[in-house]
Amino acid sequence: MPIQANLFVSEEAVPASKRKRPIKAVVTDLDGTLYSWVDYIVPALEAMVCSLESTTSMPRIRIVQSLKEVYEKYGTNEYAFAIQESKIFHEFNYDFDSFNALIIWPARRAFSEMRRRYLRPYRGVVEGLTGLVERGVKVVGLTDAPRGSAERRLKQLGLDSYFDALYALEGFPVPDLVDEQVKEREKAGYYRSAVPKVVELPSSAEKPSPRGLEQILQDLEFHPEEVMMVGDNIRKDMAAAAEAGVMGVWAEYGTYVPPEYRVRLDIISARAVTRKNVADETCEQLEEPEFAISNFGRILKIIDGRSG
């Protein structure tokens, strides 16, 4: 059901009744708000599975199910060590060097190539972040993705330089059974972003829990009324914003996923990970947020309206 037109921010100034304290910080979700998680994760996972089929001659169904088991365990489809932890590949671990060179690295390259090709910021994101920096508004990321995945995506997109801080779920340690080059790069900070402050939150802080927002408010020493939360998921992002007392702005544009991609995602992604990353809004469950925007750059009009 189409969203009512009056939810969208018009070209006019925000009404005086909504002009309270000026917004000093924008807390933004990442997946589905700054970029489409689905648009890159589906082709990336499919390319990795195709590589594994080619190098191992194993049935696709066994590969997919084994990987999904690992993704379910760690709560992310980008756990970098899923192949060596998948049960069906354990027989290769006795000679890790050949396993790494002939199976793991080709699959990792296939995944990375698709991620580079399809991971792109949404329209208005760069303009919106630039406008926030120009206005002196702090930009903080709050995501339910693990720290490592979140940092890598911001770094690859070139968006990390806009952020003052990033709050993500706890990252994963590098296991013993991994390429030495990966260990060296991890120690050297090769995979880290340029975000100056990165905070790891416990799994209990996953949205719709307001714990992440409450910690951000405490760390920044801002009043809730001075903070805006932007996110694509009403039941997670907007619910957390409401409970923390901050302004919620629904990134409505991030909820659209082509039906074909939903089918492909259900096949290849762990169900718990899909629920975490893909908003599934229905008109029966929809609670109208204070604002909804058709692209990320529209938050600047709300902020300028609050500033008078």
Foldseek 3Di string as FASTA:
>chain_A
DDDDPVQADDPDFDDPVLQDAFAQAEEEEPDLAFWDPLQQQLQLLVQLLVLQCVLPVDDSLLVLVQLQVVCVVVLHSPPLCSQCVRPVCVVVLVPLVCCCVRRSVVSVVSNVVSCLVGTETDPQNVVQLVLCVVVNHAYEYEYAAAPLVVQQSCQSHVNQVSHQEYEYAHHDDDDPSDDPVVVVCVVVCVSGHPHPYYHHDYNVCAFVALVVVVVVCVVVVHDQANYEYEEAACRGRVSSSVVSVHAYEHAVLSQDDPPVSVVSCVSRHHPSSCPRRHHDDDPVPDDRGNHYYPHSNVVVSNSVSNVD
